[in-house]
Amino acid sequence: MSVDLYARELSPMDFRRMCGGNNNEDGEGESCLEIASLTGVDDAFALRDSKNPDAGTLRFTGSELRAAGMTTI
């Protein structure tokens, strides 16, 4: 049975910033996201935009993130 990651409580989570080191075309600097482990679920994470954290989160399992190329979680 799979776990509904969106049914999990978000707080209190400690988001940490991950930056790709690239500059975007409008000169606003690095493209970054923030990531936090979901409470009560092994190997599950919430991601949000570092420049607009109130826009909401996307949630993924660690397997999904690693399959997308995120080797440092």
PDB file of N, CA and C in Angstrom:
ATOM      1  N   MET A   1       0.841  -1.171   0.000  1.00  0.00           N
ATOM      2  CA  MET A   1       0.000   0.000   0.000  1.00  0.00           C
ATOM      3  C   MET A   1       0.891   1.242   0.000  1.00  0.00           C
ATOM      4  N   SER A   2       0.581   2.198  -0.868  1.00  0.00           N
ATOM      5  CA  SER A   2       1.372   3.422  -0.925  1.00  0.00           C
ATOM      6  C   SER A   2       0.797   4.470   0.028  1.00  0.00           C
ATOM      7  N   VAL A   3       1.645   5.381   0.433  1.00  0.00           N
ATOM      8  CA  VAL A   3       1.277   6.442   1.361  1.00  0.00           C
ATOM      9  C   VAL A   3       0.946   7.702   0.564  1.00  0.00           C
ATOM     10  N   ASP A   4      -0.142   8.378   0.920  1.00  0.00           N
ATOM     11  CA  ASP A   4      -0.495   9.650   0.289  1.00  0.00           C
ATOM     12  C   ASP A   4       0.387  10.743   0.894  1.00  0.00           C
ATOM     13  N   LEU A   5       1.415  11.148   0.165  1.00  0.00           N
ATOM     14  CA  LEU A   5       2.359  12.133   0.685  1.00  0.00           C
ATOM     15  C   LEU A   5       1.706  13.490   0.918  1.00  0.00           C
ATOM     16  N   TYR A   6       0.661  13.804   0.168  1.00  0.00           N
ATOM     17  CA  TYR A   6      -0.011  15.093   0.336  1.00  0.00           C
ATOM     18  C   TYR A   6      -0.930  15.115   1.555  1.00  0.00           C
ATOM     19  N   ALA A   7      -1.183  13.969   2.154  1.00  0.00           N
ATOM     20  CA  ALA A   7      -1.989  13.912   3.369  1.00  0.00           C
ATOM     21  C   ALA A   7      -1.130  14.138   4.612  1.00  0.00           C
ATOM     22  N   ARG A   8       0.179  14.183   4.442  1.00  0.00           N
ATOM     23  CA  ARG A   8       1.095  14.361   5.564  1.00  0.00           C
ATOM     24  C   ARG A   8       1.184  15.825   5.975  1.00  0.00           C
ATOM     25  N   GLU A   9       1.333  16.023   7.267  1.00  0.00           N
ATOM     26  CA  GLU A   9       1.459  17.361   7.834  1.00  0.00           C
ATOM     27  C   GLU A   9       2.796  17.979   7.427  1.00  0.00           C
ATOM     28  N   LEU A  10       2.775  19.245   7.063  1.00  0.00           N
ATOM     29  CA  LEU A  10       4.000  19.923   6.650  1.00  0.00           C
ATOM     30  C   LEU A  10       4.822  20.473   7.804  1.00  0.00           C
ATOM     31  N   SER A  11       4.194  20.878   8.860  1.00  0.00           N
ATOM     32  CA  SER A  11       4.972  21.512   9.912  1.00  0.00           C
ATOM     33  C   SER A  11       5.121  20.577  11.103  1.00  0.00           C
ATOM     34  N   PRO A  12       6.159  20.660  11.862  1.00  0.00           N
ATOM     35  CA  PRO A  12       7.307  21.543  11.631  1.00  0.00           C
ATOM     36  C   PRO A  12       8.351  20.836  10.764  1.00  0.00           C
ATOM     37  N   MET A  13       8.671  21.426   9.652  1.00  0.00           N
ATOM     38  CA  MET A  13       9.701  20.858   8.785  1.00  0.00           C
ATOM     39  C   MET A  13      10.816  21.873   8.630  1.00  0.00           C
ATOM     40  N   ASP A  14      12.006  21.368   8.575  1.00  0.00           N
ATOM     41  CA  ASP A  14      13.167  22.217   8.360  1.00  0.00           C
ATOM     42  C   ASP A  14      13.568  22.133   6.899  1.00  0.00           C
ATOM     43  N   PHE A  15      13.205  23.146   6.140  1.00  0.00           N
ATOM     44  CA  PHE A  15      13.600  23.200   4.739  1.00  0.00           C
ATOM     45  C   PHE A  15      15.051  23.647   4.649  1.00  0.00           C
ATOM     46  N   ARG A  16      15.782  23.034   3.748  1.00  0.00           N
ATOM     47  CA  ARG A  16      17.146  23.474   3.472  1.00  0.00           C
ATOM     48  C   ARG A  16      17.254  23.809   1.991  1.00  0.00           C
ATOM     49  N   ARG A  17      18.081  24.774   1.686  1.00  0.00           N
ATOM     50  CA  ARG A  17      18.200  25.279   0.317  1.00  0.00           C
ATOM     51  C   ARG A  17      19.198  24.440  -0.476  1.00  0.00           C
ATOM     52  N   MET A  18      18.810  24.126  -1.701  1.00  0.00           N
ATOM     53  CA  MET A  18      19.685  23.442  -2.652  1.00  0.00           C
ATOM     54  C   MET A  18      19.716  24.299  -3.914  1.00  0.00           C
ATOM     55  N   CYS A  19      20.916  24.688  -4.331  1.00  0.00           N
ATOM     56  CA  CYS A  19      21.066  25.550  -5.508  1.00  0.00           C
ATOM     57  C   CYS A  19      21.868  24.839  -6.584  1.00  0.00           C
ATOM     58  N   GLY A  20      21.479  25.101  -7.820  1.00  0.00           N
ATOM     59  CA  GLY A  20      22.156  24.481  -8.945  1.00  0.00           C
ATOM     60  C   GLY A  20      23.379  25.238  -9.414  1.00  0.00           C
ATOM     61  N   GLY A  21      23.565  26.466  -8.946  1.00  0.00           N
ATOM     62  CA  GLY A  21      24.728  27.233  -9.316  1.00  0.00           C
ATOM     63  C   GLY A  21      24.626  27.903 -10.674  1.00  0.00           C
ATOM     64  N   ASN A  22      23.471  27.830 -11.299  1.00  0.00           N
ATOM     65  CA  ASN A  22      23.324  28.464 -12.609  1.00  0.00           C
ATOM     66  C   ASN A  22      22.594  29.793 -12.473  1.00  0.00           C
ATOM     67  N   ASN A  23      22.845  30.695 -13.393  1.00  0.00           N
ATOM     68  CA  ASN A  23      22.145  31.981 -13.423  1.00  0.00           C
ATOM     69  C   ASN A  23      21.049  31.925 -14.465  1.00  0.00           C
ATOM     70  N   ASN A  24      19.898  32.476 -14.126  1.00  0.00           N
ATOM     71  CA  ASN A  24      18.816  32.522 -15.104  1.00  0.00           C
ATOM     72  C   ASN A  24      18.966  33.762 -15.980  1.00  0.00           C
ATOM     73  N   GLU A  25      18.196  33.831 -17.041  1.00  0.00           N
ATOM     74  CA  GLU A  25      18.359  34.889 -18.039  1.00  0.00           C
ATOM     75  C   GLU A  25      17.999  36.281 -17.529  1.00  0.00           C
ATOM     76  N   ASP A  26      17.124  36.383 -16.529  1.00  0.00           N
ATOM     77  CA  ASP A  26      16.736  37.718 -16.064  1.00  0.00           C
ATOM     78  C   ASP A  26      17.705  38.284 -15.028  1.00  0.00           C
ATOM     79  N   GLY A  27      18.786  37.564 -14.751  1.00  0.00           N
ATOM     80  CA  GLY A  27      19.829  38.066 -13.873  1.00  0.00           C
ATOM     81  C   GLY A  27      19.513  38.022 -12.401  1.00  0.00           C
ATOM     82  N   GLU A  28      18.501  37.282 -12.010  1.00  0.00           N
ATOM     83  CA  GLU A  28      18.130  37.216 -10.602  1.00  0.00           C
ATOM     84  C   GLU A  28      18.951  36.208  -9.814  1.00  0.00           C
ATOM     85  N   GLY A  29      19.965  35.652 -10.409  1.00  0.00           N
ATOM     86  CA  GLY A  29      20.846  34.768  -9.660  1.00  0.00           C
ATOM     87  C   GLY A  29      20.520  33.311  -9.823  1.00  0.00           C
ATOM     88  N   GLU A  30      20.868  32.581  -8.803  1.00  0.00           N
ATOM     89  CA  GLU A  30      20.785  31.129  -8.866  1.00  0.00           C
ATOM     90  C   GLU A  30      19.352  30.609  -8.887  1.00  0.00           C
ATOM     91  N   SER A  31      19.216  29.433  -9.474  1.00  0.00           N
ATOM     92  CA  SER A  31      17.949  28.704  -9.435  1.00  0.00           C
ATOM     93  C   SER A  31      18.026  27.753  -8.249  1.00  0.00           C
ATOM     94  N   CYS A  32      17.236  28.009  -7.235  1.00  0.00           N
ATOM     95  CA  CYS A  32      17.294  27.210  -6.011  1.00  0.00           C
ATOM     96  C   CYS A  32      15.925  26.627  -5.682  1.00  0.00           C
ATOM     97  N   LEU A  33      15.963  25.556  -4.934  1.00  0.00           N
ATOM     98  CA  LEU A  33      14.749  25.011  -4.352  1.00  0.00           C
ATOM     99  C   LEU A  33      15.042  24.707  -2.904  1.00  0.00           C
ATOM    100  N   GLU A  34      13.994  24.492  -2.139  1.00  0.00           N
ATOM    101  CA  GLU A  34      14.142  24.101  -0.749  1.00  0.00           C
ATOM    102  C   GLU A  34      13.532  22.728  -0.583  1.00  0.00           C
ATOM    103  N   ILE A  35      14.168  21.900   0.237  1.00  0.00           N
ATOM    104  CA  ILE A  35      13.739  20.523   0.418  1.00  0.00           C
ATOM    105  C   ILE A  35      13.682  20.199   1.906  1.00  0.00           C
ATOM    106  N   ALA A  36      12.710  19.384   2.282  1.00  0.00           N
ATOM    107  CA  ALA A  36      12.572  18.940   3.671  1.00  0.00           C
ATOM    108  C   ALA A  36      12.038  17.519   3.680  1.00  0.00           C
ATOM    109  N   SER A  37      12.474  16.758   4.657  1.00  0.00           N
ATOM    110  CA  SER A  37      11.949  15.404   4.841  1.00  0.00           C
ATOM    111  C   SER A  37      10.537  15.489   5.393  1.00  0.00           C
ATOM    112  N   LEU A  38       9.665  14.612   4.918  1.00  0.00           N
ATOM    113  CA  LEU A  38       8.302  14.561   5.447  1.00  0.00           C
ATOM    114  C   LEU A  38       8.301  13.797   6.762  1.00  0.00           C
ATOM    115  N   THR A  39       7.613  14.329   7.738  1.00  0.00           N
ATOM    116  CA  THR A  39       7.523  13.715   9.051  1.00  0.00           C
ATOM    117  C   THR A  39       6.709  12.436   8.995  1.00  0.00           C
ATOM    118  N   GLY A  40       7.220  11.384   9.600  1.00  0.00           N
ATOM    119  CA  GLY A  40       6.484  10.138   9.712  1.00  0.00           C
ATOM    120  C   GLY A  40       6.523   9.235   8.498  1.00  0.00           C
ATOM    121  N   VAL A  41       7.313   9.587   7.483  1.00  0.00           N
ATOM    122  CA  VAL A  41       7.429   8.768   6.275  1.00  0.00           C
ATOM    123  C   VAL A  41       8.911   8.624   5.956  1.00  0.00           C
ATOM    124  N   ASP A  42       9.359   7.400   5.776  1.00  0.00           N
ATOM    125  CA  ASP A  42      10.751   7.183   5.403  1.00  0.00           C
ATOM    126  C   ASP A  42      10.971   7.536   3.943  1.00  0.00           C
ATOM    127  N   ASP A  43      12.062   8.244   3.662  1.00  0.00           N
ATOM    128  CA  ASP A  43      12.505   8.541   2.303  1.00  0.00           C
ATOM    129  C   ASP A  43      11.426   9.256   1.482  1.00  0.00           C
ATOM    130  N   ALA A  44      10.840  10.305   2.063  1.00  0.00           N
ATOM    131  CA  ALA A  44       9.841  11.123   1.363  1.00  0.00           C
ATOM    132  C   ALA A  44      10.133  12.590   1.662  1.00  0.00           C
ATOM    133  N   PHE A  45       9.898  13.453   0.658  1.00  0.00           N
ATOM    134  CA  PHE A  45      10.344  14.834   0.755  1.00  0.00           C
ATOM    135  C   PHE A  45       9.316  15.806   0.198  1.00  0.00           C
ATOM    136  N   ALA A  46       9.367  17.034   0.712  1.00  0.00           N
ATOM    137  CA  ALA A  46       8.594  18.148   0.167  1.00  0.00           C
ATOM    138  C   ALA A  46       9.581  19.127  -0.445  1.00  0.00           C
ATOM    139  N   LEU A  47       9.273  19.629  -1.631  1.00  0.00           N
ATOM    140  CA  LEU A  47      10.102  20.616  -2.320  1.00  0.00           C
ATOM    141  C   LEU A  47       9.279  21.869  -2.543  1.00  0.00           C
ATOM    142  N   ARG A  48       9.937  23.029  -2.456  1.00  0.00           N
ATOM    143  CA  ARG A  48       9.264  24.289  -2.743  1.00  0.00           C
ATOM    144  C   ARG A  48      10.251  25.262  -3.384  1.00  0.00           C
ATOM    145  N   ASP A  49       9.710  26.286  -4.000  1.00  0.00           N
ATOM    146  CA  ASP A  49      10.497  27.328  -4.649  1.00  0.00           C
ATOM    147  C   ASP A  49      11.116  28.220  -3.578  1.00  0.00           C
ATOM    148  N   SER A  50      12.424  28.390  -3.611  1.00  0.00           N
ATOM    149  CA  SER A  50      13.088  29.207  -2.596  1.00  0.00           C
ATOM    150  C   SER A  50      12.723  30.687  -2.706  1.00  0.00           C
ATOM    151  N   LYS A  51      12.352  31.148  -3.891  1.00  0.00           N
ATOM    152  CA  LYS A  51      11.994  32.552  -4.071  1.00  0.00           C
ATOM    153  C   LYS A  51      10.518  32.820  -3.791  1.00  0.00           C
ATOM    154  N   ASN A  52       9.708  31.768  -3.726  1.00  0.00           N
ATOM    155  CA  ASN A  52       8.277  31.917  -3.463  1.00  0.00           C
ATOM    156  C   ASN A  52       7.792  30.736  -2.616  1.00  0.00           C
ATOM    157  N   PRO A  53       8.250  30.636  -1.371  1.00  0.00           N
ATOM    158  CA  PRO A  53       7.916  29.479  -0.544  1.00  0.00           C
ATOM    159  C   PRO A  53       6.430  29.337  -0.220  1.00  0.00           C
ATOM    160  N   ASP A  54       5.669  30.418  -0.332  1.00  0.00           N
ATOM    161  CA  ASP A  54       4.236  30.350  -0.041  1.00  0.00           C
ATOM    162  C   ASP A  54       3.418  29.781  -1.194  1.00  0.00           C
ATOM    163  N   ALA A  55       4.069  29.477  -2.306  1.00  0.00           N
ATOM    164  CA  ALA A  55       3.362  28.948  -3.480  1.00  0.00           C
ATOM    165  C   ALA A  55       2.953  27.492  -3.311  1.00  0.00           C
ATOM    166  N   GLY A  56       3.411  26.849  -2.265  1.00  0.00           N
ATOM    167  CA  GLY A  56       3.055  25.459  -2.027  1.00  0.00           C
ATOM    168  C   GLY A  56       4.234  24.526  -2.243  1.00  0.00           C
ATOM    169  N   THR A  57       3.979  23.248  -2.054  1.00  0.00           N
ATOM    170  CA  THR A  57       5.041  22.252  -2.169  1.00  0.00           C
ATOM    171  C   THR A  57       4.655  21.165  -3.157  1.00  0.00           C
ATOM    172  N   LEU A  58       5.670  20.517  -3.660  1.00  0.00           N
ATOM    173  CA  LEU A  58       5.520  19.272  -4.406  1.00  0.00           C
ATOM    174  C   LEU A  58       6.155  18.201  -3.544  1.00  0.00           C
ATOM    175  N   ARG A  59       5.589  17.019  -3.559  1.00  0.00           N
ATOM    176  CA  ARG A  59       6.088  15.954  -2.680  1.00  0.00           C
ATOM    177  C   ARG A  59       6.475  14.737  -3.498  1.00  0.00           C
ATOM    178  N   PHE A  60       7.600  14.150  -3.115  1.00  0.00           N
ATOM    179  CA  PHE A  60       8.162  13.027  -3.853  1.00  0.00           C
ATOM    180  C   PHE A  60       8.768  12.019  -2.899  1.00  0.00           C
ATOM    181  N   THR A  61       8.844  10.787  -3.360  1.00  0.00           N
ATOM    182  CA  THR A  61       9.630   9.791  -2.638  1.00  0.00           C
ATOM    183  C   THR A  61      11.091   9.996  -3.014  1.00  0.00           C
ATOM    184  N   GLY A  62      11.976   9.477  -2.193  1.00  0.00           N
ATOM    185  CA  GLY A  62      13.390   9.549  -2.511  1.00  0.00           C
ATOM    186  C   GLY A  62      13.709   8.842  -3.814  1.00  0.00           C
ATOM    187  N   SER A  63      13.029   7.739  -4.086  1.00  0.00           N
ATOM    188  CA  SER A  63      13.243   7.004  -5.340  1.00  0.00           C
ATOM    189  C   SER A  63      12.899   7.868  -6.543  1.00  0.00           C
ATOM    190  N   GLU A  64      11.816   8.618  -6.447  1.00  0.00           N
ATOM    191  CA  GLU A  64      11.426   9.501  -7.553  1.00  0.00           C
ATOM    192  C   GLU A  64      12.465  10.598  -7.776  1.00  0.00           C
ATOM    193  N   LEU A  65      12.959  11.183  -6.693  1.00  0.00           N
ATOM    194  CA  LEU A  65      13.956  12.241  -6.829  1.00  0.00           C
ATOM    195  C   LEU A  65      15.264  11.705  -7.398  1.00  0.00           C
ATOM    196  N   ARG A  66      15.693  10.541  -6.935  1.00  0.00           N
ATOM    197  CA  ARG A  66      16.928   9.948  -7.467  1.00  0.00           C
ATOM    198  C   ARG A  66      16.767   9.579  -8.938  1.00  0.00           C
ATOM    199  N   ALA A  67      15.588   9.101  -9.333  1.00  0.00           N
ATOM    200  CA  ALA A  67      15.336   8.768 -10.739  1.00  0.00           C
ATOM    201  C   ALA A  67      15.367  10.025 -11.614  1.00  0.00           C
ATOM    202  N   ALA A  68      15.046  11.185 -11.031  1.00  0.00           N
ATOM    203  CA  ALA A  68      15.079  12.450 -11.761  1.00  0.00           C
ATOM    204  C   ALA A  68      16.475  13.075 -11.767  1.00  0.00           C
ATOM    205  N   GLY A  69      17.434  12.416 -11.136  1.00  0.00           N
ATOM    206  CA  GLY A  69      18.814  12.892 -11.157  1.00  0.00           C
ATOM    207  C   GLY A  69      19.279  13.612  -9.911  1.00  0.00           C
ATOM    208  N   MET A  70      18.440  13.693  -8.877  1.00  0.00           N
ATOM    209  CA  MET A  70      18.866  14.328  -7.624  1.00  0.00           C
ATOM    210  C   MET A  70      19.583  13.285  -6.780  1.00  0.00           C
ATOM    211  N   THR A  71      20.883  13.270  -6.879  1.00  0.00           N
ATOM    212  CA  THR A  71      21.654  12.267  -6.148  1.00  0.00           C
ATOM    213  C   THR A  71      22.000  12.717  -4.742  1.00  0.00           C
ATOM    214  N   THR A  72      21.941  14.019  -4.479  1.00  0.00           N
ATOM    215  CA  THR A  72      22.200  14.548  -3.141  1.00  0.00           C
ATOM    216  C   THR A  72      20.887  15.050  -2.573  1.00  0.00           C
ATOM    217  N   ILE A  73      20.315  14.269  -1.682  1.00  0.00           N
ATOM    218  CA  ILE A  73      19.025  14.650  -1.093  1.00  0.00           C
ATOM    219  C   ILE A  73      19.239  14.962   0.374  1.00  0.00           C
TER     220      ILE A  73
END
